[in-house]
Protein backbone atom coordinates (compact mmCIF):
# COMPACT_ATOMS: atom_id res chain seq x y z
CA MET A 1 83.47 89.35 90.37
CA VAL A 2 84.44 91.60 93.29
CA GLN A 3 87.97 92.84 92.82
CA ASN A 4 90.56 92.04 95.47
CA SER A 5 92.91 94.69 96.79
CA PHE A 6 95.96 92.44 96.41
CA SER A 7 97.00 89.47 94.32
CA ILE A 8 99.98 87.60 95.77
CA VAL A 9 101.63 85.51 93.04
CA VAL A 10 103.84 82.53 93.88
CA VAL A 11 105.42 80.43 91.12
CA CYS A 12 106.92 77.03 91.84
CA LEU A 13 108.28 73.74 90.58
CA ASN A 14 108.95 71.01 93.15
CA PRO A 15 109.44 73.52 96.00
CA GLY A 16 108.95 71.06 98.86
CA LYS A 17 107.73 72.67 102.08
CA LYS A 18 108.85 76.13 100.98
CA LEU A 19 105.59 76.71 99.11
CA LEU A 20 103.53 76.09 102.24
CA TYR A 21 105.83 78.37 104.27
CA THR A 22 105.33 81.23 101.82
CA VAL A 23 101.58 80.74 101.48
CA GLU A 24 101.10 80.52 105.25
CA SER A 25 102.80 83.89 105.68
CA VAL A 26 100.07 85.37 103.48
CA LEU A 27 97.23 83.49 105.15
CA ALA A 28 98.45 84.90 108.48
CA GLN A 29 97.67 88.46 107.35
CA GLN A 30 95.17 90.36 109.47
CA TYR A 31 93.97 92.13 106.32
CA GLY A 32 91.73 89.80 104.34
CA ASN A 33 91.00 91.33 100.91
CA TYR A 34 93.55 89.41 98.88
CA GLU A 35 94.02 86.31 96.75
CA ILE A 36 96.96 83.95 96.38
CA VAL A 37 97.67 82.74 92.85
CA VAL A 38 100.03 79.74 92.79
CA LYS A 39 101.44 78.95 89.35
CA ASP A 40 102.88 75.44 89.41
CA GLY A 41 104.98 74.14 86.55
CA GLY A 42 104.13 70.47 87.16
CA SER A 43 105.46 69.61 90.61
CA ALA A 44 105.77 65.92 91.44
CA ASP A 45 106.99 66.27 95.04
CA GLY A 46 103.61 66.51 96.77
CA SER A 47 104.09 70.18 97.64
CA LEU A 48 100.67 71.17 96.29
CA ASP A 49 99.00 68.57 98.50
CA LEU A 50 100.31 70.40 101.57
CA LEU A 51 98.36 73.56 100.79
CA PRO A 52 95.31 74.15 103.03
CA SER A 53 91.83 74.30 101.59
CA ASP A 54 91.12 78.02 101.40
CA SER A 55 88.95 79.94 98.95
CA ARG A 56 91.61 82.63 98.66
CA ILE A 57 94.11 80.20 97.10
CA ARG A 58 93.95 79.41 93.40
CA VAL A 59 96.35 76.93 91.85
CA LEU A 60 97.18 77.08 88.14
CA SER A 61 99.01 74.00 86.91
CA GLY A 62 100.71 73.56 83.57
CA LYS A 63 104.02 73.65 81.77
CA ASP A 64 105.95 76.87 81.50
CA ALA A 65 109.26 77.98 80.03
CA GLY A 66 110.74 79.23 83.30
CA ILE A 67 110.13 81.63 86.13
CA TYR A 68 109.16 84.68 84.04
CA ASP A 69 106.88 82.71 81.74
CA ALA A 70 105.23 81.27 84.86
CA MET A 71 104.77 84.77 86.28
CA ASN A 72 103.19 85.89 83.01
CA GLN A 73 100.77 82.97 83.06
CA ALA A 74 99.78 83.85 86.61
CA LEU A 75 99.27 87.50 85.66
CA ALA A 76 96.60 86.47 83.16
CA ALA A 77 94.54 85.14 86.07
CA VAL A 78 94.96 87.79 88.80
CA ASN A 79 92.01 89.77 90.08
CA GLY A 80 93.76 92.27 92.37
CA ARG A 81 94.32 95.99 92.02
CA TYR A 82 97.92 95.52 93.12
CA VAL A 83 100.21 92.55 92.45
CA LEU A 84 103.09 91.28 94.61
CA PHE A 85 105.38 88.42 93.59
CA LEU A 86 106.88 86.18 96.28
CA ASN A 87 109.33 83.39 95.57
CA CYS A 88 108.96 80.06 97.36
CA GLY A 89 110.96 80.35 100.57
CA ASP A 90 110.22 84.05 100.95
CA ALA A 91 107.52 85.35 103.28
CA LEU A 92 105.60 88.47 104.17
CA HIS A 93 107.51 90.03 107.05
CA ASP A 94 104.69 90.01 109.60
CA ALA A 95 100.91 89.76 109.86
CA GLN A 96 100.42 93.50 109.34
CA VAL A 97 102.14 93.95 105.96
CA LEU A 98 98.99 94.06 103.82
CA SER A 99 96.98 96.19 106.24
CA ARG A 100 99.80 98.73 106.48
CA MET A 101 100.28 98.79 102.73
CA GLU A 102 96.56 99.22 102.17
CA ARG A 103 96.58 102.30 104.42
CA VAL A 104 99.54 103.79 102.55
CA ILE A 105 97.84 103.22 99.19
CA ARG A 106 94.55 104.63 100.45
CA ASP A 107 96.23 107.76 101.86
CA LYS A 108 98.12 108.33 98.61
CA ARG A 109 95.00 107.75 96.55
CA SER A 110 92.97 110.21 98.63
CA GLY A 111 94.86 113.04 96.95
CA ASP A 112 93.98 111.85 93.45
CA PRO A 113 91.07 113.41 91.57
CA GLU A 114 89.85 109.92 90.70
CA THR A 115 90.01 106.61 92.50
CA GLU A 116 92.73 104.25 91.30
CA GLY A 117 92.01 100.79 90.07
CA ARG A 118 91.87 98.75 86.93
CA SER A 119 88.67 100.36 85.70
CA CYS A 120 89.69 103.93 86.62
CA ARG A 121 92.09 106.44 85.11
CA GLY A 122 94.10 107.38 88.18
CA ARG A 123 97.89 107.48 88.01
CA MET A 124 99.56 104.07 88.07
CA ARG A 125 101.98 103.50 90.92
CA ILE A 126 104.44 100.98 92.33
CA PHE A 127 104.45 100.99 96.13
CA TYR A 128 107.65 99.48 97.48
CA GLY A 129 109.41 98.95 100.78
CA ASN A 130 112.34 97.09 102.31
CA GLN A 131 113.33 93.45 102.67
CA TYR A 132 114.63 91.44 105.59
CA ASN A 133 117.47 89.23 104.37
CA MET A 134 117.26 85.95 106.26
CA ARG A 135 120.80 84.86 105.38
CA GLN A 136 122.35 88.09 106.64
CA SER A 137 119.86 88.61 109.50
CA CYS A 138 119.33 92.28 108.72
CA VAL A 139 116.98 94.66 106.94
CA VAL A 140 118.11 95.74 103.48
CA TYR A 141 116.71 99.20 102.82
CA SER A 142 115.55 100.17 99.35
CA ALA A 143 116.51 103.50 97.86
CA PRO A 144 113.94 106.06 99.07
CA GLU A 145 113.80 107.75 95.68
CA VAL A 146 113.63 106.22 92.22
CA ASN A 147 115.61 108.37 89.80
CA ASP A 148 117.89 107.64 86.84
CA PHE A 149 120.78 106.58 89.07
CA THR A 150 118.52 104.33 91.14
CA CYS A 151 117.26 102.74 87.95
CA TYR A 152 120.83 102.03 86.92
CA ARG A 153 122.18 100.60 90.14
CA ASN A 154 119.56 99.51 92.64
CA VAL A 155 115.88 99.11 91.84
CA PRO A 156 113.83 97.42 94.59
CA CYS A 157 113.47 93.65 94.27
CA HIS A 158 110.09 92.33 93.13
CA GLN A 159 109.39 90.76 96.54
CA VAL A 160 108.87 94.26 98.01
CA CYS A 161 106.99 95.88 95.11
CA PHE A 162 103.22 96.19 94.91
CA TYR A 163 102.48 96.90 91.24
CA ASP A 164 99.30 98.50 89.97
CA ALA A 165 97.88 95.59 87.96
CA ARG A 166 97.31 97.85 84.96
CA LEU A 167 101.08 97.97 84.48
CA PHE A 168 100.85 94.40 83.17
CA GLU A 169 97.87 94.83 80.86
CA GLU A 170 99.82 95.70 77.70
CA ARG A 171 102.60 93.21 78.37
CA GLY A 172 104.17 91.14 81.08
CA TYR A 173 107.78 90.15 81.59
CA ASP A 174 110.05 89.93 78.54
CA THR A 175 111.11 86.28 78.61
CA ASN A 176 114.04 87.01 76.29
CA TYR A 177 115.80 88.01 79.49
CA ARG A 178 116.71 84.95 81.56
CA VAL A 179 117.67 86.70 84.81
CA ARG A 180 116.80 90.39 84.54
CA ALA A 181 113.26 90.41 83.15
CA ASP A 182 111.93 91.90 86.40
CA TYR A 183 114.52 94.71 86.17
CA GLU A 184 113.54 95.39 82.56
CA HIS A 185 109.84 95.51 83.43
CA PHE A 186 110.44 97.90 86.33
CA LEU A 187 112.22 100.32 83.99
CA TYR A 188 109.45 99.86 81.44
CA CYS A 189 106.94 100.89 84.10
CA ILE A 190 108.94 103.98 85.05
CA TYR A 191 110.05 105.22 81.64
CA GLU A 192 107.36 104.05 79.24
CA LYS A 193 104.24 103.83 81.42
CA LYS A 194 105.28 106.85 83.55
CA ALA A 195 104.38 105.03 86.76
CA GLU A 196 105.16 106.72 90.06
CA ALA A 197 107.37 104.73 92.43
CA VAL A 198 106.35 105.37 96.04
CA TYR A 199 108.68 104.39 98.90
CA THR A 200 106.80 103.32 102.03
CA ASP A 201 109.56 102.54 104.58
CA LEU A 202 107.74 99.30 105.43
CA THR A 203 109.60 96.01 105.70
CA VAL A 204 107.55 93.99 103.24
CA ALA A 205 109.18 90.60 102.78
CA ASP A 206 111.64 88.19 104.35
CA TYR A 207 114.00 87.18 101.56
CA GLU A 208 115.48 83.70 101.68
CA GLY A 209 118.45 84.43 99.43
CA GLY A 210 120.57 82.05 97.41
CA GLY A 211 117.98 81.82 94.68
CA PHE A 212 117.75 81.70 90.91
CA SER A 213 119.68 84.89 90.17
CA GLU A 214 122.54 84.24 92.60
CA THR A 215 124.35 81.32 90.97
CA ASP A 216 127.72 82.13 89.40
CA GLU A 217 126.41 81.50 85.88
CA ASN A 218 123.34 83.65 86.36
CA ARG A 219 125.38 86.47 87.88
CA ARG A 220 127.35 86.62 84.63
CA ILE A 221 124.16 86.58 82.58
CA SER A 222 122.70 89.20 84.91
CA ALA A 223 125.60 91.60 84.28
CA LYS A 224 125.21 91.33 80.51
CA GLU A 225 121.45 91.76 80.63
CA HIS A 226 121.73 94.70 83.02
CA ALA A 227 124.05 96.53 80.63
CA LYS A 228 121.72 95.95 77.69
CA ILE A 229 118.60 97.05 79.57
CA ALA A 230 120.26 100.12 81.08
CA ARG A 231 121.40 101.31 77.64
CA ARG A 232 117.90 100.79 76.28
CA TYR A 233 116.15 102.95 78.87
CA LEU A 234 118.87 105.35 80.04
CA GLY A 235 120.96 105.73 76.92
CA ARG A 236 124.65 105.07 76.40
CA ARG A 237 125.87 108.39 77.87
CA LYS A 238 124.08 108.05 81.22
CA THR A 239 124.97 104.39 81.43
CA MET A 240 128.68 105.14 81.03
CA LYS A 241 128.48 108.00 83.56
CA TYR A 242 126.75 105.89 86.19
CA ARG A 243 129.08 102.95 85.63
CA ALA A 244 132.07 105.25 86.21
CA ALA A 245 130.43 106.63 89.35
CA MET A 246 129.94 103.11 90.69
CA LEU A 247 133.61 102.27 90.12
CA LEU A 248 134.80 105.52 91.72
CA THR A 249 132.67 104.88 94.81
CA LEU A 250 134.06 101.34 95.24
CA ALA A 251 130.79 99.60 94.32
CA PRO A 252 132.36 96.10 94.04
CA LEU A 253 133.74 96.41 97.60
CA ARG A 254 130.43 97.73 98.92
CA THR A 255 128.61 94.83 97.27
CA LYS A 256 130.88 92.35 99.06
CA MET A 257 130.17 94.11 102.35
CA ALA A 258 126.43 94.03 101.70
CA GLU A 259 126.55 90.30 100.99
CA SER A 260 128.73 89.45 104.00
CA ARG A 261 126.91 87.92 106.95
CA ARG A 262 129.35 89.63 109.29
CA LEU A 263 129.29 93.10 107.72
CA ALA A 264 125.84 93.34 106.10
CA GLY A 265 124.08 94.73 109.16
CA LEU A 266 126.69 97.46 109.66
CA TYR A 267 126.73 98.34 105.97
CA ASN A 268 122.95 98.58 105.65
CA GLY A 269 122.77 100.63 108.84
CA LEU A 270 125.28 103.12 107.47
CA LYS A 271 123.48 103.26 104.12
CA THR A 272 120.15 103.94 105.81
CA GLY A 273 121.73 106.65 107.94
CA VAL A 274 122.96 108.39 104.80
CA TYR A 275 119.48 108.23 103.28
CA ARG A 276 117.96 109.81 106.35
CA LEU A 277 120.61 112.51 106.64
CA LEU A 278 119.66 113.49 103.13
CA GLY A 279 116.08 113.86 104.33
CA LYS A 280 114.71 111.10 102.15
CA GLY A 281 114.41 108.25 104.58
CA ARG A 282 110.73 108.13 105.39
CA GLY A 283 107.27 108.39 104.05
CA ALA A 284 105.19 107.69 101.02
């Protein structure tokens, strides 16, 4: 089987028209070497019937134990060199996302002694960009450098990360984590698999917001899981230092600003300006 450049994974359960919206944003891409893997947990709302007949779409149906188990089941079926996960209701930002990302990956790979890919030994990478938050009507910029502090406070969300598929070959998401399994796997990629995180300054995805991780209950679970994962990969000393730094720099207040529809655009603009003043705002 010829390997695709990209596998776009979408998991769902009774998503209504949101599934079609997300899939159509991929089908609109002007770059064609991709597949869409839809993992459905047993929808009974007719959402699967809305999908167009297209050879690039594969639907896997069957029970799962939740979003991360569904993502793991989809991973077993992907055929792409790089994997991107989109939630139902999210979308690729415009029709050029995959073509632009392919150029970035190709340019980065041209400096490697060997070609990357599942069957090659080149360095594994995560190429990531920014998200457009539809609720706040602004671009949320990812940190342009992934270091220990970034890994503590602000890793890029999975909707903007193109993972080398080999990063999932030994294991997928740890389903013991209900809310933060994607965070744990990102740190696993960085610290255990020694993957390189490459910032691209591309706006990758439109994020719907208000999803699984943003309910009050899951925010509480998220905080507990974050603390456990951070200690595992960063150690207790660094975790305590970074937590103190967040409190001293008014992180709770900045989070409220970032989540405010009225202030989010201003806040993200200021944050991006700081990144660029530090000389880290652009490029792969």
